[in-house]
C-alpha atoms as a PDB file:
ATOM      1  CA  MET A   1     -14.753 -15.235  16.181  1.00  0.00           C
ATOM      2  CA  LYS A   2     -16.842 -17.680  14.181  1.00  0.00           C
ATOM      3  CA  GLN A   3     -14.932 -18.764  11.105  1.00  0.00           C
ATOM      4  CA  THR A   4     -16.687 -18.875   7.774  1.00  0.00           C
ATOM      5  CA  ALA A   5     -15.296 -18.778   4.259  1.00  0.00           C
ATOM      6  CA  SER A   6     -17.040 -15.473   3.533  1.00  0.00           C
ATOM      7  CA  SER A   7     -15.723 -13.824   6.722  1.00  0.00           C
ATOM      8  CA  PHE A   8     -12.210 -15.013   5.902  1.00  0.00           C
ATOM      9  CA  ASP A   9     -12.542 -13.682   2.343  1.00  0.00           C
ATOM     10  CA  GLU A  10     -13.583 -10.321   3.780  1.00  0.00           C
ATOM     11  CA  ILE A  11     -10.615 -10.314   6.182  1.00  0.00           C
ATOM     12  CA  LEU A  12      -8.254 -11.280   3.376  1.00  0.00           C
ATOM     13  CA  ASN A  13      -9.583  -8.588   1.039  1.00  0.00           C
ATOM     14  CA  ARG A  14      -9.359  -5.901   3.738  1.00  0.00           C
ATOM     15  CA  ASN A  15      -5.803  -6.756   4.770  1.00  0.00           C
ATOM     16  CA  LYS A  16      -4.052  -8.246   1.741  1.00  0.00           C
ATOM     17  CA  ASP A  17      -2.416  -5.055   0.466  1.00  0.00           C
ATOM     18  CA  ILE A  18      -1.063  -3.862   3.790  1.00  0.00           C
ATOM     19  CA  VAL A  19       0.297  -7.292   4.712  1.00  0.00           C
ATOM     20  CA  PHE A  20       1.933  -7.836   1.330  1.00  0.00           C
ATOM     21  CA  ASN A  21       3.459  -4.340   1.363  1.00  0.00           C
ATOM     22  CA  LEU A  22       4.839  -4.925   4.852  1.00  0.00           C
ATOM     23  CA  LEU A  23       6.423  -8.232   3.856  1.00  0.00           C
ATOM     24  CA  PHE A  24       7.801  -6.740   0.663  1.00  0.00           C
ATOM     25  CA  ARG A  25       9.337  -3.824   2.553  1.00  0.00           C
ATOM     26  CA  LEU A  26      10.939  -6.235   4.998  1.00  0.00           C
ATOM     27  CA  THR A  27      12.310  -8.642   2.410  1.00  0.00           C
ATOM     28  CA  GLY A  28      12.828  -6.540  -0.704  1.00  0.00           C
ATOM     29  CA  ASP A  29      11.970  -9.671  -2.701  1.00  0.00           C
ATOM     30  CA  TYR A  30       8.640  -9.837  -4.511  1.00  0.00           C
ATOM     31  CA  HIS A  31       8.447 -13.620  -4.840  1.00  0.00           C
ATOM     32  CA  LEU A  32       9.563 -14.293  -1.277  1.00  0.00           C
ATOM     33  CA  SER A  33       6.948 -11.779  -0.107  1.00  0.00           C
ATOM     34  CA  GLU A  34       4.280 -13.719  -1.999  1.00  0.00           C
ATOM     35  CA  ASP A  35       5.333 -16.943  -0.260  1.00  0.00           C
ATOM     36  CA  LEU A  36       5.388 -15.320   3.186  1.00  0.00           C
ATOM     37  CA  PHE A  37       2.036 -13.680   2.437  1.00  0.00           C
ATOM     38  CA  GLN A  38       0.461 -17.054   1.692  1.00  0.00           C
ATOM     39  CA  GLU A  39       1.956 -18.561   4.830  1.00  0.00           C
ATOM     40  CA  THR A  40       0.675 -15.611   6.867  1.00  0.00           C
ATOM     41  CA  PHE A  41      -2.897 -16.011   5.675  1.00  0.00           C
ATOM     42  CA  LEU A  42      -2.818 -19.775   6.125  1.00  0.00           C
ATOM     43  CA  LYS A  43      -1.955 -19.087   9.764  1.00  0.00           C
ATOM     44  CA  VAL A  44      -4.641 -16.412   9.987  1.00  0.00           C
ATOM     45  CA  TYR A  45      -7.212 -18.838   8.585  1.00  0.00           C
ATOM     46  CA  SER A  46      -6.222 -21.664  10.908  1.00  0.00           C
ATOM     47  CA  GLY A  47      -6.072 -19.395  13.956  1.00  0.00           C
ATOM     48  CA  LEU A  48      -9.131 -17.259  13.265  1.00  0.00           C
ATOM     49  CA  SER A  49     -11.391 -19.358  15.482  1.00  0.00           C
ATOM     50  CA  ARG A  50      -8.977 -18.775  18.388  1.00  0.00           C
ATOM     51  CA  PHE A  51      -8.848 -14.992  17.936  1.00  0.00           C
ATOM     52  CA  LYS A  52     -10.460 -13.567  21.061  1.00  0.00           C
ATOM     53  CA  GLY A  53     -10.442  -9.877  20.173  1.00  0.00           C
ATOM     54  CA  GLY A  54      -7.873  -8.865  22.804  1.00  0.00           C
ATOM     55  CA  SER A  55      -6.386  -6.594  20.150  1.00  0.00           C
ATOM     56  CA  GLU A  56      -7.555  -5.276  16.816  1.00  0.00           C
ATOM     57  CA  LEU A  57      -7.768  -7.908  14.101  1.00  0.00           C
ATOM     58  CA  THR A  58      -5.291  -5.980  11.936  1.00  0.00           C
ATOM     59  CA  THR A  59      -2.790  -5.859  14.803  1.00  0.00           C
ATOM     60  CA  TRP A  60      -3.121  -9.614  15.244  1.00  0.00           C
ATOM     61  CA  ILE A  61      -2.595 -10.195  11.513  1.00  0.00           C
ATOM     62  CA  TYR A  62       0.462  -7.907  11.471  1.00  0.00           C
ATOM     63  CA  ARG A  63       1.925  -9.842  14.376  1.00  0.00           C
ATOM     64  CA  ILE A  64       1.440 -13.110  12.482  1.00  0.00           C
ATOM     65  CA  ALA A  65       3.100 -11.598   9.378  1.00  0.00           C
ATOM     66  CA  LEU A  66       6.082 -10.384  11.425  1.00  0.00           C
ATOM     67  CA  ASN A  67       6.433 -13.788  13.078  1.00  0.00           C
ATOM     68  CA  VAL A  68       6.306 -15.513   9.671  1.00  0.00           C
ATOM     69  CA  PHE A  69       9.062 -13.167   8.458  1.00  0.00           C
ATOM     70  CA  LYS A  70      11.202 -13.773  11.559  1.00  0.00           C
ATOM     71  CA  ASP A  71      10.656 -17.539  11.341  1.00  0.00           C
ATOM     72  CA  HIS A  72      11.736 -17.496   7.703  1.00  0.00           C
ATOM     73  CA  VAL A  73      14.952 -15.654   8.579  1.00  0.00           C
ATOM     74  CA  ARG A  74      15.630 -18.070  11.450  1.00  0.00           C
ATOM     75  CA  LYS A  75      14.785 -21.241   9.501  1.00  0.00           C
ATOM     76  CA  LYS A  76      16.922 -20.347   6.555  1.00  0.00           C
ATOM     77  CA  ASN A  77      19.748 -19.134   8.780  1.00  0.00           C
ATOM     78  CA  MET A  78      19.648 -16.150   6.511  1.00  0.00           C
ATOM     79  CA  ASP A  79      21.405 -12.871   6.786  1.00  0.00           C
ATOM     80  CA  PRO A  80      18.554 -10.361   7.075  1.00  0.00           C
ATOM     81  CA  LEU A  81      20.203  -8.182   4.428  1.00  0.00           C
ATOM     82  CA  TYR A  82      17.947  -8.968   1.517  1.00  0.00           C
ATOM     83  CA  GLY A  83      18.306  -8.063  -2.082  1.00  0.00           C
ATOM     84  CA  TYR A  84      16.175  -5.419  -3.630  1.00  0.00           C
ATOM     85  CA  GLU A  85      13.942  -5.527  -6.689  1.00  0.00           C
ATOM     86  CA  SER A  86      13.273  -1.932  -7.657  1.00  0.00           C
ATOM     87  CA  LYS A  87      11.036  -2.987 -10.567  1.00  0.00           C
ATOM     88  CA  GLN A  88       8.598  -4.555  -8.127  1.00  0.00           C
ATOM     89  CA  LEU A  89       8.535  -1.489  -5.851  1.00  0.00           C
ATOM     90  CA  ASP A  90       7.918   0.691  -8.893  1.00  0.00           C
ATOM     91  CA  LYS A  91       4.733  -1.302  -9.571  1.00  0.00           C
ATOM     92  CA  LEU A  92       3.573  -0.632  -6.017  1.00  0.00           C
ATOM     93  CA  ASN A  93       4.392   3.116  -6.072  1.00  0.00           C
ATOM     94  CA  SER A  94       3.351   4.593  -9.390  1.00  0.00           C
ATOM     95  CA  THR A  95       5.083   7.813 -10.420  1.00  0.00           C
ATOM     96  CA  ASP A  96       3.248   8.367 -13.708  1.00  0.00           C
ATOM     97  CA  TYR A  97       2.645  12.040 -12.901  1.00  0.00           C
ATOM     98  CA  MET A  98       6.399  12.865 -12.810  1.00  0.00           C
ATOM     99  CA  THR A  99       8.569  14.054 -15.645  1.00  0.00           C
ATOM    100  CA  PRO A 100      11.101  11.448 -16.804  1.00  0.00           C
ATOM    101  CA  GLU A 101      13.921  13.403 -15.145  1.00  0.00           C
ATOM    102  CA  LYS A 102      12.121  13.656 -11.803  1.00  0.00           C
ATOM    103  CA  GLN A 103      11.136   9.997 -11.988  1.00  0.00           C
ATOM    104  CA  PHE A 104      14.761   8.994 -12.633  1.00  0.00           C
ATOM    105  CA  VAL A 105      16.012  10.953  -9.597  1.00  0.00           C
ATOM    106  CA  TYR A 106      13.096   9.672  -7.504  1.00  0.00           C
ATOM    107  CA  ASN A 107      13.898   6.053  -8.391  1.00  0.00           C
ATOM    108  CA  ILE A 108      17.584   6.459  -7.555  1.00  0.00           C
ATOM    109  CA  GLU A 109      16.787   8.020  -4.173  1.00  0.00           C
ATOM    110  CA  LYS A 110      14.088   5.429  -3.440  1.00  0.00           C
ATOM    111  CA  ASP A 111      16.540   2.632  -4.221  1.00  0.00           C
ATOM    112  CA  ARG A 112      19.143   4.157  -1.915  1.00  0.00           C
ATOM    113  CA  ILE A 113      16.650   4.521   0.928  1.00  0.00           C
ATOM    114  CA  GLN A 114      15.323   0.969   0.532  1.00  0.00           C
ATOM    115  CA  LYS A 115      18.858  -0.450   0.483  1.00  0.00           C
ATOM    116  CA  LYS A 116      19.712   1.458   3.663  1.00  0.00           C
ATOM    117  CA  ILE A 117      16.556   0.178   5.359  1.00  0.00           C
ATOM    118  CA  ASN A 118      17.275  -3.395   4.215  1.00  0.00           C
ATOM    119  CA  ALA A 119      20.745  -3.130   5.742  1.00  0.00           C
ATOM    120  CA  LEU A 120      19.312  -2.501   9.220  1.00  0.00           C
ATOM    121  CA  LYS A 121      19.022  -5.419  11.605  1.00  0.00           C
ATOM    122  CA  ASN A 122      15.444  -6.620  12.092  1.00  0.00           C
ATOM    123  CA  SER A 123      15.037  -5.052  15.539  1.00  0.00           C
ATOM    124  CA  LEU A 124      15.489  -1.652  13.864  1.00  0.00           C
ATOM    125  CA  LYS A 125      14.086  -2.407  10.403  1.00  0.00           C
ATOM    126  CA  ILE A 126      10.659  -3.561  11.617  1.00  0.00           C
ATOM    127  CA  PRO A 127       9.859  -0.371  13.599  1.00  0.00           C
ATOM    128  CA  VAL A 128      11.188   1.815  10.741  1.00  0.00           C
ATOM    129  CA  VAL A 129       9.012   0.091   8.139  1.00  0.00           C
ATOM    130  CA  LEU A 130       5.943   0.114  10.375  1.00  0.00           C
ATOM    131  CA  HIS A 131       6.366   3.741  11.489  1.00  0.00           C
ATOM    132  CA  TYR A 132       7.750   5.620   8.506  1.00  0.00           C
ATOM    133  CA  ILE A 133       6.389   3.575   5.628  1.00  0.00           C
ATOM    134  CA  GLU A 134       3.181   2.061   6.981  1.00  0.00           C
ATOM    135  CA  GLY A 135       2.331   5.043   9.238  1.00  0.00           C
ATOM    136  CA  PHE A 136       1.917   3.153  12.513  1.00  0.00           C
ATOM    137  CA  THR A 137       2.118   4.985  15.828  1.00  0.00           C
ATOM    138  CA  VAL A 138       4.565   3.859  18.509  1.00  0.00           C
ATOM    139  CA  ARG A 139       1.631   2.375  20.440  1.00  0.00           C
ATOM    140  CA  GLN A 140       0.486   0.357  17.419  1.00  0.00           C
ATOM    141  CA  ILE A 141       4.018  -0.899  16.756  1.00  0.00           C
ATOM    142  CA  SER A 142       4.259  -1.911  20.388  1.00  0.00           C
ATOM    143  CA  ALA A 143       1.007  -3.872  20.099  1.00  0.00           C
ATOM    144  CA  VAL A 144       2.156  -5.630  16.921  1.00  0.00           C
ATOM    145  CA  THR A 145       5.676  -6.471  18.063  1.00  0.00           C
ATOM    146  CA  GLY A 146       5.100  -7.015  21.782  1.00  0.00           C
ATOM    147  CA  ARG A 147       7.911  -4.563  22.576  1.00  0.00           C
ATOM    148  CA  THR A 148       7.548  -1.596  24.910  1.00  0.00           C
ATOM    149  CA  GLY A 149       6.878   1.880  23.593  1.00  0.00           C
ATOM    150  CA  THR A 150      10.200   3.052  25.004  1.00  0.00           C
ATOM    151  CA  ASP A 151      12.020   0.238  23.212  1.00  0.00           C
ATOM    152  CA  ILE A 152      10.317   1.203  19.947  1.00  0.00           C
ATOM    153  CA  LYS A 153      11.267   4.872  20.396  1.00  0.00           C
ATOM    154  CA  VAL A 154      14.885   3.929  21.104  1.00  0.00           C
ATOM    155  CA  SER A 155      14.953   1.657  18.033  1.00  0.00           C
ATOM    156  CA  LEU A 156      13.538   4.420  15.835  1.00  0.00           C
ATOM    157  CA  HIS A 157      16.107   6.874  17.189  1.00  0.00           C
ATOM    158  CA  ARG A 158      18.990   4.448  16.591  1.00  0.00           C
ATOM    159  CA  ALA A 159      17.720   3.623  13.121  1.00  0.00           C
ATOM    160  CA  ARG A 160      17.442   7.317  12.217  1.00  0.00           C
ATOM    161  CA  LYS A 161      21.032   7.865  13.379  1.00  0.00           C
ATOM    162  CA  LEU A 162      22.308   4.883  11.375  1.00  0.00           C
ATOM    163  CA  LEU A 163      20.337   5.846   8.288  1.00  0.00           C
ATOM    164  CA  LYS A 164      21.515   9.462   8.511  1.00  0.00           C
ATOM    165  CA  LYS A 165      25.128   8.383   8.995  1.00  0.00           C
ATOM    166  CA  GLY A 166      24.873   5.875   6.142  1.00  0.00           C
ATOM    167  CA  TRP A 167      23.235   8.483   3.931  1.00  0.00           C
ATOM    168  CA  ASN A 168      25.931  11.088   4.596  1.00  0.00           C
ATOM    169  CA  ASP A 169      28.735   8.534   4.175  1.00  0.00           C
ATOM    170  CA  SER A 170      27.434   7.393   0.789  1.00  0.00           C
ATOM    171  CA  LYS A 171      27.220  10.839  -0.803  1.00  0.00           C
END
């Protein structure tokens, strides 16, 4: 793909929201997500001329974002259990149409769900975020992560069991 500033701007504009949301869902930290987002698109820009079209451009960008996230966790020797900034998620998911009571309950439940997802190890968290939050199919997750479809299905099943158990235990 021939790299020009205008084609990169178009790619950035088309993919910025989905990439940022993915990174935010994986980290739970708005500012860290911004940093990882910038690193992701620096890598996209520098690698764009080498993109051969063997997969969809979005799939390639998602893979870069996931690798940036994994590299960050590895480099920092971090525990993948990140904090959570509910104020930032609230900006991303407006609930203006709800009554104050419904919004309060919604926010509590959303916080609980996000904390449970953040507590999953990355091999389970990534498929959960991609499938249930971003709406990816098993095939698309497989293309992004390089894992087999069967492995993705098993991870989703295990994650559902852990999330259900954690949900029931915390009530």
